[in-house]
C-alpha atoms as a PDB file:
ATOM      1  CA  MET A   1      89.128 -48.610  23.338  1.00  0.00           C
ATOM      2  CA  PRO A   2      88.758 -50.037  19.851  1.00  0.00           C
ATOM      3  CA  SER A   3      86.512 -48.128  17.517  1.00  0.00           C
ATOM      4  CA  LEU A   4      83.185 -49.743  16.699  1.00  0.00           C
ATOM      5  CA  ARG A   5      82.782 -47.923  13.434  1.00  0.00           C
ATOM      6  CA  ALA A   6      82.845 -49.912  10.235  1.00  0.00           C
ATOM      7  CA  ILE A   7      85.318 -48.430   7.755  1.00  0.00           C
ATOM      8  CA  GLN A   8      85.125 -48.735   4.012  1.00  0.00           C
ATOM      9  CA  GLN A   9      87.562 -50.688   1.859  1.00  0.00           C
ATOM     10  CA  ASN A  10      86.702 -50.605  -1.824  1.00  0.00           C
ATOM     11  CA  GLY A  11      83.167 -49.708  -0.836  1.00  0.00           C
ATOM     12  CA  THR A  12      82.765 -52.706   1.507  1.00  0.00           C
ATOM     13  CA  PRO A  13      82.098 -52.220   5.226  1.00  0.00           C
ATOM     14  CA  VAL A  14      84.696 -53.844   7.450  1.00  0.00           C
ATOM     15  CA  ASP A  15      83.704 -54.932  10.949  1.00  0.00           C
ATOM     16  CA  LYS A  16      86.222 -53.660  13.488  1.00  0.00           C
ATOM     17  CA  SER A  17      84.698 -55.046  16.657  1.00  0.00           C
ATOM     18  CA  VAL A  18      85.789 -58.682  16.503  1.00  0.00           C
ATOM     19  CA  GLY A  19      89.132 -60.213  17.310  1.00  0.00           C
ATOM     20  CA  MET A  20      90.615 -60.580  13.839  1.00  0.00           C
ATOM     21  CA  VAL A  21      91.474 -56.880  13.715  1.00  0.00           C
ATOM     22  CA  GLU A  22      92.799 -56.785  17.273  1.00  0.00           C
ATOM     23  CA  ASN A  23      96.285 -57.587  18.484  1.00  0.00           C
ATOM     24  CA  PRO A  24      96.011 -61.306  19.275  1.00  0.00           C
ATOM     25  CA  SER A  25      98.764 -61.317  21.932  1.00  0.00           C
ATOM     26  CA  PHE A  26      98.176 -60.188  25.491  1.00  0.00           C
ATOM     27  CA  ASP A  27     100.910 -58.363  27.364  1.00  0.00           C
ATOM     28  CA  THR A  28     103.212 -60.609  29.367  1.00  0.00           C
ATOM     29  CA  GLU A  29     102.190 -59.220  32.751  1.00  0.00           C
ATOM     30  CA  LEU A  30      98.539 -59.989  32.041  1.00  0.00           C
ATOM     31  CA  ALA A  31      99.385 -63.694  31.916  1.00  0.00           C
ATOM     32  CA  TYR A  32      99.069 -63.649  35.718  1.00  0.00           C
ATOM     33  CA  TYR A  33      95.338 -62.904  35.468  1.00  0.00           C
ATOM     34  CA  ARG A  34      92.809 -65.683  34.969  1.00  0.00           C
ATOM     35  CA  LEU A  35      89.718 -65.601  32.766  1.00  0.00           C
ATOM     36  CA  GLY A  36      86.567 -67.580  33.455  1.00  0.00           C
ATOM     37  CA  VAL A  37      83.572 -68.083  31.148  1.00  0.00           C
ATOM     38  CA  PHE A  38      80.146 -68.978  32.564  1.00  0.00           C
ATOM     39  CA  ALA A  39      78.006 -71.265  30.406  1.00  0.00           C
ATOM     40  CA  LYS A  40      74.970 -73.521  30.473  1.00  0.00           C
ATOM     41  CA  GLN A  41      74.465 -76.698  28.505  1.00  0.00           C
ATOM     42  CA  PRO A  42      72.533 -75.521  25.419  1.00  0.00           C
ATOM     43  CA  ILE A  43      69.348 -77.513  25.928  1.00  0.00           C
ATOM     44  CA  PRO A  44      66.366 -76.334  23.826  1.00  0.00           C
ATOM     45  CA  GLY A  45      63.866 -74.513  25.975  1.00  0.00           C
ATOM     46  CA  ARG A  46      66.438 -73.655  28.657  1.00  0.00           C
ATOM     47  CA  VAL A  47      68.667 -71.106  26.915  1.00  0.00           C
ATOM     48  CA  LYS A  48      67.912 -67.942  24.918  1.00  0.00           C
ATOM     49  CA  THR A  49      64.220 -68.287  25.683  1.00  0.00           C
ATOM     50  CA  ARG A  50      63.632 -64.587  25.043  1.00  0.00           C
ATOM     51  CA  LEU A  51      64.516 -65.243  21.395  1.00  0.00           C
ATOM     52  CA  THR A  52      61.656 -67.737  21.012  1.00  0.00           C
ATOM     53  CA  PRO A  53      59.879 -66.652  18.943  1.00  0.00           C
ATOM     54  CA  PRO A  54      60.968 -65.824  16.289  1.00  0.00           C
ATOM     55  CA  LEU A  55      63.556 -68.587  16.677  1.00  0.00           C
ATOM     56  CA  SER A  56      62.521 -72.094  17.573  1.00  0.00           C
ATOM     57  CA  SER A  57      63.826 -73.542  20.834  1.00  0.00           C
ATOM     58  CA  ALA A  58      66.280 -75.693  18.879  1.00  0.00           C
ATOM     59  CA  GLU A  59      67.546 -72.684  16.890  1.00  0.00           C
ATOM     60  CA  ALA A  60      67.936 -70.634  20.071  1.00  0.00           C
ATOM     61  CA  ALA A  61      69.988 -73.417  21.669  1.00  0.00           C
ATOM     62  CA  GLU A  62      72.151 -73.660  18.559  1.00  0.00           C
ATOM     63  CA  LEU A  63      72.677 -69.893  18.616  1.00  0.00           C
ATOM     64  CA  TYR A  64      73.760 -70.166  22.253  1.00  0.00           C
ATOM     65  CA  LEU A  65      76.330 -72.831  21.336  1.00  0.00           C
ATOM     66  CA  VAL A  66      77.689 -70.784  18.414  1.00  0.00           C
ATOM     67  CA  SER A  67      78.050 -67.766  20.702  1.00  0.00           C
ATOM     68  CA  LEU A  68      79.838 -69.827  23.360  1.00  0.00           C
ATOM     69  CA  ARG A  69      82.195 -71.354  20.801  1.00  0.00           C
ATOM     70  CA  GLU A  70      83.033 -67.949  19.359  1.00  0.00           C
ATOM     71  CA  THR A  71      83.693 -66.532  22.814  1.00  0.00           C
ATOM     72  CA  LEU A  72      86.092 -69.343  23.730  1.00  0.00           C
ATOM     73  CA  GLU A  73      87.820 -69.389  20.330  1.00  0.00           C
ATOM     74  CA  ARG A  74      88.538 -65.663  20.440  1.00  0.00           C
ATOM     75  CA  CYS A  75      89.918 -65.870  23.974  1.00  0.00           C
ATOM     76  CA  GLU A  76      92.160 -68.804  23.084  1.00  0.00           C
ATOM     77  CA  ALA A  77      93.358 -67.079  19.897  1.00  0.00           C
ATOM     78  CA  ALA A  78      94.400 -64.119  22.054  1.00  0.00           C
ATOM     79  CA  GLY A  79      96.685 -66.363  24.090  1.00  0.00           C
ATOM     80  CA  LEU A  80      94.364 -66.744  27.060  1.00  0.00           C
ATOM     81  CA  ALA A  81      93.507 -70.088  28.647  1.00  0.00           C
ATOM     82  CA  PRO A  82      89.904 -69.617  29.769  1.00  0.00           C
ATOM     83  CA  VAL A  83      88.299 -71.778  32.418  1.00  0.00           C
ATOM     84  CA  LEU A  84      84.791 -72.876  31.468  1.00  0.00           C
ATOM     85  CA  PHE A  85      82.507 -72.843  34.498  1.00  0.00           C
ATOM     86  CA  TYR A  86      79.663 -74.999  33.270  1.00  0.00           C
ATOM     87  CA  SER A  87      76.135 -75.890  34.305  1.00  0.00           C
ATOM     88  CA  GLY A  88      74.964 -79.194  32.901  1.00  0.00           C
ATOM     89  CA  GLU A  89      76.480 -82.572  32.085  1.00  0.00           C
ATOM     90  CA  ARG A  90      80.264 -82.762  32.241  1.00  0.00           C
ATOM     91  CA  ASP A  91      80.362 -85.357  29.432  1.00  0.00           C
ATOM     92  CA  TYR A  92      78.662 -82.903  27.094  1.00  0.00           C
ATOM     93  CA  PHE A  93      81.193 -80.139  27.743  1.00  0.00           C
ATOM     94  CA  ARG A  94      84.140 -82.540  27.708  1.00  0.00           C
ATOM     95  CA  THR A  95      83.088 -83.699  24.236  1.00  0.00           C
ATOM     96  CA  ALA A  96      82.248 -80.219  22.929  1.00  0.00           C
ATOM     97  CA  PHE A  97      85.336 -78.489  24.354  1.00  0.00           C
ATOM     98  CA  PRO A  98      88.033 -81.126  24.916  1.00  0.00           C
ATOM     99  CA  GLU A  99      90.881 -78.616  25.193  1.00  0.00           C
ATOM    100  CA  ILE A 100      89.209 -76.298  27.725  1.00  0.00           C
ATOM    101  CA  GLU A 101      89.637 -76.547  31.501  1.00  0.00           C
ATOM    102  CA  LEU A 102      86.209 -77.454  32.896  1.00  0.00           C
ATOM    103  CA  VAL A 103      84.924 -76.625  36.363  1.00  0.00           C
ATOM    104  CA  PRO A 104      81.300 -77.268  37.400  1.00  0.00           C
ATOM    105  CA  GLN A 105      79.318 -74.364  38.778  1.00  0.00           C
ATOM    106  CA  VAL A 106      78.261 -74.790  42.395  1.00  0.00           C
ATOM    107  CA  SER A 107      74.655 -74.743  43.525  1.00  0.00           C
ATOM    108  CA  GLY A 108      73.068 -71.455  44.523  1.00  0.00           C
ATOM    109  CA  ASP A 109      72.159 -68.121  43.012  1.00  0.00           C
ATOM    110  CA  LEU A 110      74.398 -66.304  40.540  1.00  0.00           C
ATOM    111  CA  GLY A 111      76.260 -64.511  43.322  1.00  0.00           C
ATOM    112  CA  VAL A 112      77.140 -67.772  45.062  1.00  0.00           C
ATOM    113  CA  ARG A 113      78.268 -69.318  41.787  1.00  0.00           C
ATOM    114  CA  MET A 114      80.446 -66.346  40.817  1.00  0.00           C
ATOM    115  CA  THR A 115      82.013 -66.250  44.266  1.00  0.00           C
ATOM    116  CA  ALA A 116      83.019 -69.905  43.920  1.00  0.00           C
ATOM    117  CA  ALA A 117      84.369 -69.355  40.397  1.00  0.00           C
ATOM    118  CA  LEU A 118      86.479 -66.383  41.441  1.00  0.00           C
ATOM    119  CA  GLN A 119      87.748 -68.311  44.463  1.00  0.00           C
ATOM    120  CA  PHE A 120      88.841 -71.133  42.156  1.00  0.00           C
ATOM    121  CA  MET A 121      90.797 -68.763  39.902  1.00  0.00           C
ATOM    122  CA  LEU A 122      92.296 -66.588  42.625  1.00  0.00           C
ATOM    123  CA  ARG A 123      93.718 -69.515  44.581  1.00  0.00           C
ATOM    124  CA  LYS A 124      95.867 -70.501  41.608  1.00  0.00           C
ATOM    125  CA  SER A 125      99.581 -69.927  42.106  1.00  0.00           C
ATOM    126  CA  ALA A 126     100.760 -66.416  41.171  1.00  0.00           C
ATOM    127  CA  CYS A 127      97.251 -65.328  40.123  1.00  0.00           C
ATOM    128  CA  LEU A 128      96.924 -61.554  40.487  1.00  0.00           C
ATOM    129  CA  GLY A 129      93.241 -61.340  39.621  1.00  0.00           C
ATOM    130  CA  GLY A 130      90.296 -63.150  38.079  1.00  0.00           C
ATOM    131  CA  VAL A 131      87.842 -61.960  35.429  1.00  0.00           C
ATOM    132  CA  LEU A 132      84.475 -63.544  34.638  1.00  0.00           C
ATOM    133  CA  ILE A 133      82.465 -63.159  31.448  1.00  0.00           C
ATOM    134  CA  GLY A 134      79.476 -64.984  29.995  1.00  0.00           C
ATOM    135  CA  SER A 135      78.744 -66.417  26.576  1.00  0.00           C
ATOM    136  CA  ASP A 136      76.225 -63.711  25.654  1.00  0.00           C
ATOM    137  CA  SER A 137      78.726 -61.160  24.292  1.00  0.00           C
ATOM    138  CA  PRO A 138      80.605 -63.049  21.563  1.00  0.00           C
ATOM    139  CA  ASP A 139      82.003 -59.835  20.051  1.00  0.00           C
ATOM    140  CA  LEU A 140      83.270 -58.371  23.326  1.00  0.00           C
ATOM    141  CA  PRO A 141      86.462 -56.577  22.257  1.00  0.00           C
ATOM    142  CA  LEU A 142      89.586 -58.275  23.527  1.00  0.00           C
ATOM    143  CA  ASP A 143      90.859 -54.881  24.608  1.00  0.00           C
ATOM    144  CA  TYR A 144      88.097 -54.875  27.236  1.00  0.00           C
ATOM    145  CA  LEU A 145      89.707 -57.939  28.793  1.00  0.00           C
ATOM    146  CA  ARG A 146      93.098 -56.254  28.662  1.00  0.00           C
ATOM    147  CA  GLU A 147      91.744 -53.115  30.281  1.00  0.00           C
ATOM    148  CA  ALA A 148      89.887 -55.037  32.970  1.00  0.00           C
ATOM    149  CA  MET A 149      92.935 -57.096  33.897  1.00  0.00           C
ATOM    150  CA  ALA A 150      95.187 -54.060  33.944  1.00  0.00           C
ATOM    151  CA  ALA A 151      92.694 -52.202  36.158  1.00  0.00           C
ATOM    152  CA  LEU A 152      92.919 -54.969  38.755  1.00  0.00           C
ATOM    153  CA  ALA A 153      96.499 -53.912  39.431  1.00  0.00           C
ATOM    154  CA  VAL A 154      95.105 -50.852  41.237  1.00  0.00           C
ATOM    155  CA  HIS A 155      91.431 -51.647  41.944  1.00  0.00           C
ATOM    156  CA  ASP A 156      89.727 -54.355  43.973  1.00  0.00           C
ATOM    157  CA  CYS A 157      86.899 -54.802  41.495  1.00  0.00           C
ATOM    158  CA  VAL A 158      86.309 -53.961  37.830  1.00  0.00           C
ATOM    159  CA  VAL A 159      83.030 -54.116  35.910  1.00  0.00           C
ATOM    160  CA  ALA A 160      81.944 -53.628  32.293  1.00  0.00           C
ATOM    161  CA  PRO A 161      78.296 -52.454  32.395  1.00  0.00           C
ATOM    162  CA  ALA A 162      75.678 -53.949  30.091  1.00  0.00           C
ATOM    163  CA  ALA A 163      72.938 -52.079  28.283  1.00  0.00           C
ATOM    164  CA  ASP A 164      70.255 -53.968  30.220  1.00  0.00           C
ATOM    165  CA  GLY A 165      71.355 -52.753  33.654  1.00  0.00           C
ATOM    166  CA  GLY A 166      73.600 -55.694  34.461  1.00  0.00           C
ATOM    167  CA  TYR A 167      77.196 -56.270  33.485  1.00  0.00           C
ATOM    168  CA  VAL A 168      79.037 -58.313  30.860  1.00  0.00           C
ATOM    169  CA  LEU A 169      82.282 -58.645  32.814  1.00  0.00           C
ATOM    170  CA  ILE A 170      83.374 -58.560  36.429  1.00  0.00           C
ATOM    171  CA  GLY A 171      86.824 -59.024  37.906  1.00  0.00           C
ATOM    172  CA  MET A 172      88.364 -59.058  41.365  1.00  0.00           C
ATOM    173  CA  ARG A 173      91.940 -59.162  42.649  1.00  0.00           C
ATOM    174  CA  HIS A 174      90.964 -60.437  46.106  1.00  0.00           C
ATOM    175  CA  LEU A 175      87.927 -62.568  46.819  1.00  0.00           C
ATOM    176  CA  CYS A 176      85.070 -60.644  48.429  1.00  0.00           C
ATOM    177  CA  GLY A 177      81.867 -62.640  48.326  1.00  0.00           C
ATOM    178  CA  GLU A 178      80.071 -59.827  50.157  1.00  0.00           C
ATOM    179  CA  LEU A 179      79.919 -57.956  46.850  1.00  0.00           C
ATOM    180  CA  PHE A 180      77.416 -60.480  45.498  1.00  0.00           C
ATOM    181  CA  LYS A 181      75.022 -60.520  48.431  1.00  0.00           C
ATOM    182  CA  ARG A 182      71.568 -58.924  48.304  1.00  0.00           C
ATOM    183  CA  ILE A 183      71.795 -58.252  44.542  1.00  0.00           C
ATOM    184  CA  PRO A 184      68.512 -58.463  42.543  1.00  0.00           C
ATOM    185  CA  TRP A 185      69.799 -60.932  39.950  1.00  0.00           C
ATOM    186  CA  SER A 186      68.090 -61.106  36.547  1.00  0.00           C
ATOM    187  CA  SER A 187      66.834 -57.543  36.867  1.00  0.00           C
ATOM    188  CA  SER A 188      67.752 -54.118  35.505  1.00  0.00           C
ATOM    189  CA  GLY A 189      68.968 -53.145  38.970  1.00  0.00           C
ATOM    190  CA  VAL A 190      72.013 -55.438  39.116  1.00  0.00           C
ATOM    191  CA  LEU A 191      74.618 -52.849  38.161  1.00  0.00           C
ATOM    192  CA  GLU A 192      73.353 -50.098  40.439  1.00  0.00           C
ATOM    193  CA  ALA A 193      73.027 -52.512  43.362  1.00  0.00           C
ATOM    194  CA  THR A 194      76.596 -53.693  42.729  1.00  0.00           C
ATOM    195  CA  ARG A 195      77.876 -50.130  42.742  1.00  0.00           C
ATOM    196  CA  ARG A 196      76.160 -49.422  46.056  1.00  0.00           C
ATOM    197  CA  ARG A 197      77.345 -52.692  47.525  1.00  0.00           C
ATOM    198  CA  ALA A 198      80.974 -52.035  46.564  1.00  0.00           C
ATOM    199  CA  GLU A 199      80.826 -48.597  48.166  1.00  0.00           C
ATOM    200  CA  ARG A 200      79.183 -49.952  51.315  1.00  0.00           C
ATOM    201  CA  ILE A 201      81.829 -52.619  51.908  1.00  0.00           C
ATOM    202  CA  GLY A 202      84.728 -50.335  50.988  1.00  0.00           C
ATOM    203  CA  LEU A 203      85.959 -51.899  47.751  1.00  0.00           C
ATOM    204  CA  SER A 204      87.959 -49.897  45.236  1.00  0.00           C
ATOM    205  CA  TYR A 205      85.508 -50.145  42.319  1.00  0.00           C
ATOM    206  CA  HIS A 206      86.209 -49.316  38.676  1.00  0.00           C
ATOM    207  CA  GLU A 207      84.039 -49.428  35.552  1.00  0.00           C
ATOM    208  CA  ILE A 208      85.279 -49.737  32.004  1.00  0.00           C
ATOM    209  CA  SER A 209      83.157 -48.913  28.959  1.00  0.00           C
ATOM    210  CA  ALA A 210      79.779 -50.597  28.550  1.00  0.00           C
ATOM    211  CA  TRP A 211      79.034 -53.412  26.110  1.00  0.00           C
ATOM    212  CA  ASP A 212      75.948 -55.383  25.129  1.00  0.00           C
ATOM    213  CA  ASP A 213      74.556 -58.811  25.992  1.00  0.00           C
ATOM    214  CA  VAL A 214      72.601 -60.715  23.359  1.00  0.00           C
ATOM    215  CA  ASP A 215      69.502 -61.897  25.178  1.00  0.00           C
ATOM    216  CA  ASP A 216      66.496 -60.762  23.130  1.00  0.00           C
ATOM    217  CA  LEU A 217      65.599 -59.862  19.545  1.00  0.00           C
ATOM    218  CA  HIS A 218      66.496 -56.172  19.945  1.00  0.00           C
ATOM    219  CA  SER A 219      69.979 -56.926  21.267  1.00  0.00           C
ATOM    220  CA  LEU A 220      70.438 -59.588  18.578  1.00  0.00           C
ATOM    221  CA  HIS A 221      69.687 -56.996  15.887  1.00  0.00           C
ATOM    222  CA  ARG A 222      72.237 -54.676  17.522  1.00  0.00           C
ATOM    223  CA  LEU A 223      74.823 -57.455  17.226  1.00  0.00           C
ATOM    224  CA  LEU A 224      74.004 -57.862  13.529  1.00  0.00           C
ATOM    225  CA  LYS A 225      74.589 -54.149  12.934  1.00  0.00           C
ATOM    226  CA  ARG A 226      77.599 -53.822  15.231  1.00  0.00           C
ATOM    227  CA  SER A 227      79.558 -56.946  14.299  1.00  0.00           C
ATOM    228  CA  PRO A 228      78.269 -58.426  11.035  1.00  0.00           C
ATOM    229  CA  LEU A 229      81.421 -60.542  10.617  1.00  0.00           C
ATOM    230  CA  SER A 230      80.953 -62.233  13.984  1.00  0.00           C
ATOM    231  CA  LYS A 231      80.237 -65.949  13.594  1.00  0.00           C
ATOM    232  CA  THR A 232      77.285 -65.558  15.921  1.00  0.00           C
ATOM    233  CA  ALA A 233      75.896 -62.673  13.898  1.00  0.00           C
ATOM    234  CA  GLN A 234      76.273 -64.587  10.649  1.00  0.00           C
ATOM    235  CA  PHE A 235      74.537 -67.631  12.115  1.00  0.00           C
ATOM    236  CA  ALA A 236      71.715 -65.469  13.499  1.00  0.00           C
ATOM    237  CA  ALA A 237      71.276 -63.673  10.183  1.00  0.00           C
ATOM    238  CA  ARG A 238      70.786 -66.979   8.371  1.00  0.00           C
ATOM    239  CA  ARG A 239      68.246 -68.226  10.890  1.00  0.00           C
ATOM    240  CA  LEU A 240      66.321 -64.950  10.985  1.00  0.00           C
ATOM    241  CA  ALA A 241      66.186 -64.914   7.184  1.00  0.00           C
ATOM    242  CA  ARG A 242      64.173 -68.131   7.356  1.00  0.00           C
ATOM    243  CA  HIS A 243      61.576 -66.477   9.564  1.00  0.00           C
ATOM    244  CA  PHE A 244      61.551 -63.071   7.854  1.00  0.00           C
ATOM    245  CA  PRO A 245      62.171 -63.852   4.147  1.00  0.00           C
ATOM    246  CA  GLY A 246      62.760 -60.819   2.007  1.00  0.00           C
ATOM    247  CA  SER A 247      63.348 -58.509   4.966  1.00  0.00           C
END
């Protein structure tokens, strides 16, 4: 795993968590694994609502868009071709991300939507596994994606836990929608329920190291400290400075 410590060069801290210091090329065998990114249309009042206040609804929506853009840009720079599973108007996403493969999310709870997304990726020719992430972890180390994809060579399911009791990444090598049933979505019990569910249905389950979602002010401040060179962190720092001048 990449180190999260900032090192010093001429007295200046250097952020080591974002993609510019990681090897941008994925191993050849990992090209047979697909990556999907879940996203909503960034409409004010519908995204990042736990950041309002201090941010306005418009600022929170803009932060969401910056985070999504950074997530997709880093994945593409690493040689991946992410599929964007979107919720909202197709015309918006087609204009905002003209080079990205777009697939609408189906109706239903998060489990139903993830099942459909994984099914879409896994039915692709020669696909050995599918990995899903969101747009809330713009500094997720690319090595986490490498590790998750590699783990699918020997495990049915791989998860990267989140600090809030959910997960920031999930991957499967064979579709098993049963994993997503009877999960208390949007709660701190998601990860533990997923672990129990995987054991109950007999899946080979593997966890990689935990990471952090940005969904409230505390987790946003952790992003600022952890990855100050992230585009999302820099954007957030500017907006927060307007609300907390001199802090």
